Protein backbone atom coordinates (compact mmCIF):
# COMPACT_ATOMS: atom_id res chain seq x y z
CA MET A 1 -6.77 -8.15 -11.04
CA VAL A 2 -7.43 -8.89 -7.38
CA SER A 3 -8.39 -6.68 -4.45
CA GLY A 4 -6.47 -6.81 -1.21
CA TYR A 5 -5.95 -5.17 2.14
CA THR A 6 -3.04 -2.92 2.97
CA VAL A 7 -1.31 -3.78 6.22
CA ASP A 8 1.61 -1.36 6.27
CA LEU A 9 2.43 1.54 3.97
CA SER A 10 5.75 3.36 3.84
CA GLU A 11 7.63 5.61 1.45
CA SER A 12 9.46 2.61 0.01
CA GLY A 13 6.74 -0.03 -0.15
CA VAL A 14 3.56 -1.63 1.07
CA SER A 15 2.57 -4.83 2.81
CA ALA A 16 -0.72 -6.33 1.72
CA ILE A 17 -2.95 -9.38 2.10
CA LEU A 18 -3.82 -10.80 -1.33
CA ARG A 19 -5.64 -13.87 -2.65
CA LEU A 20 -3.54 -13.88 -5.81
CA GLU A 21 -0.26 -15.77 -5.93
CA ILE A 22 2.59 -13.59 -7.15
CA PRO A 23 6.13 -15.05 -7.22
CA LEU A 24 9.04 -13.36 -5.46
CA GLY A 25 10.83 -10.93 -7.77
CA GLU A 26 7.74 -10.39 -9.94
CA VAL A 27 6.80 -6.80 -10.76
CA ALA A 28 3.13 -6.06 -10.09
CA THR A 29 0.90 -3.10 -10.86
CA LEU A 30 -0.74 -1.78 -7.69
CA ASP A 31 -3.79 0.46 -7.82
CA LEU A 32 -3.92 2.29 -4.50
CA ALA A 33 -7.08 4.16 -3.57
CA LEU A 34 -5.55 6.80 -1.31
CA PRO A 35 -7.63 9.24 0.75
CA PHE A 36 -6.83 12.09 -1.69
CA GLY A 37 -7.19 10.09 -4.92
CA PRO A 38 -6.15 6.96 -6.79
CA VAL A 39 -2.52 6.15 -7.62
CA THR A 40 -1.17 3.39 -9.85
CA ILE A 41 2.35 2.28 -8.99
CA HIS A 42 4.66 -0.59 -9.93
CA ALA A 43 6.26 -2.67 -7.21
CA THR A 44 8.44 -5.75 -6.93
CA VAL A 45 7.42 -8.62 -4.64
CA ARG A 46 10.23 -8.84 -2.05
CA GLN A 47 8.62 -11.02 0.63
CA ARG A 48 5.81 -13.48 0.94
CA ASN A 49 4.37 -15.26 3.96
CA ALA A 50 1.19 -17.20 3.13
CA PHE A 51 -1.15 -14.49 1.75
CA ARG A 52 0.84 -11.51 3.06
CA TYR A 53 3.13 -9.86 0.50
CA GLY A 54 5.82 -7.22 0.88
CA PHE A 55 6.14 -4.95 -2.15
CA GLU A 56 8.96 -2.51 -2.88
CA PHE A 57 7.96 0.46 -5.03
CA VAL A 58 9.94 0.74 -8.29
CA ASP A 59 8.15 3.63 -9.95
CA SER A 60 9.13 7.13 -11.03
CA ASP A 61 9.95 9.89 -8.57
CA SER A 62 6.73 11.76 -9.35
CA VAL A 63 4.58 8.80 -8.24
CA LEU A 64 6.79 8.15 -5.22
CA GLN A 65 6.40 11.82 -4.18
CA ILE A 66 2.64 11.24 -3.84
CA ILE A 67 3.25 8.23 -1.58
CA ARG A 68 5.80 10.19 0.49
CA ARG A 69 3.34 13.05 0.94
CA MET A 70 0.61 10.70 2.15
CA CYS A 71 2.98 8.95 4.58
CA ARG A 72 4.06 12.31 6.01
CA ASP A 73 0.46 13.48 6.31
CA LEU A 74 -0.47 10.30 8.19
CA ALA A 75 2.57 10.68 10.48
CA VAL A 76 1.52 14.25 11.31
CA GLU A 77 -2.06 13.08 12.02
CA GLN A 78 -0.76 10.40 14.34
CA PHE A 79 1.52 12.85 16.17
CA LEU A 80 -1.07 15.62 16.52
CA PHE A 81 -4.15 13.55 17.25
CA GLY A 82 -2.64 10.44 18.86
CA GLY A 83 -4.06 8.32 16.08
CA PHE A 84 -5.23 8.54 12.51
CA GLU A 85 -8.03 10.63 11.08
CA THR A 86 -7.94 8.07 8.27
CA PRO A 87 -9.94 5.22 9.81
CA ILE A 88 -8.33 1.84 10.43
CA SER A 89 -10.60 -1.17 10.02
CA PRO A 90 -11.00 -3.11 13.29
CA THR A 91 -11.54 -6.36 11.37
CA THR A 92 -8.64 -6.20 8.90
CA GLY A 93 -6.26 -3.71 10.54
CA SER A 94 -6.06 -2.04 7.15
CA LEU A 95 -6.11 1.68 6.47
CA GLU A 96 -9.69 2.00 5.22
CA GLY A 97 -8.80 4.95 3.04
CA VAL A 98 -6.07 2.93 1.28
CA ARG A 99 -7.48 0.15 -0.86
CA LEU A 100 -5.30 -1.98 -3.09
CA ARG A 101 -5.79 -3.90 -6.32
CA ALA A 102 -2.88 -5.91 -7.69
CA SER A 103 -2.15 -7.58 -10.98
CA LYS A 104 0.93 -9.12 -12.51
CA LYS A 105 2.61 -6.64 -14.81
């Protein structure tokens, strides 16, 4: 298990900086600490550039609904307030309310 930083989060996947090497095509278990509670989701490694990984979610619809809701909530925050109420770290560029731990499945 390794901790990482989220870079981008969407309804279909997440981009993260990790110190663990995971091969392309590997399915990983991601523990996301979202602002409204933790979520564990499975994702396939689709891209890798040095320590930055692109994961595509491959989990059930019920888990994906939680991710969709959070993405919509963040989009509304950005539209209404011109930014995010969920703080973004100035040092990592990561959503501070979205922490990630990854392990090979």
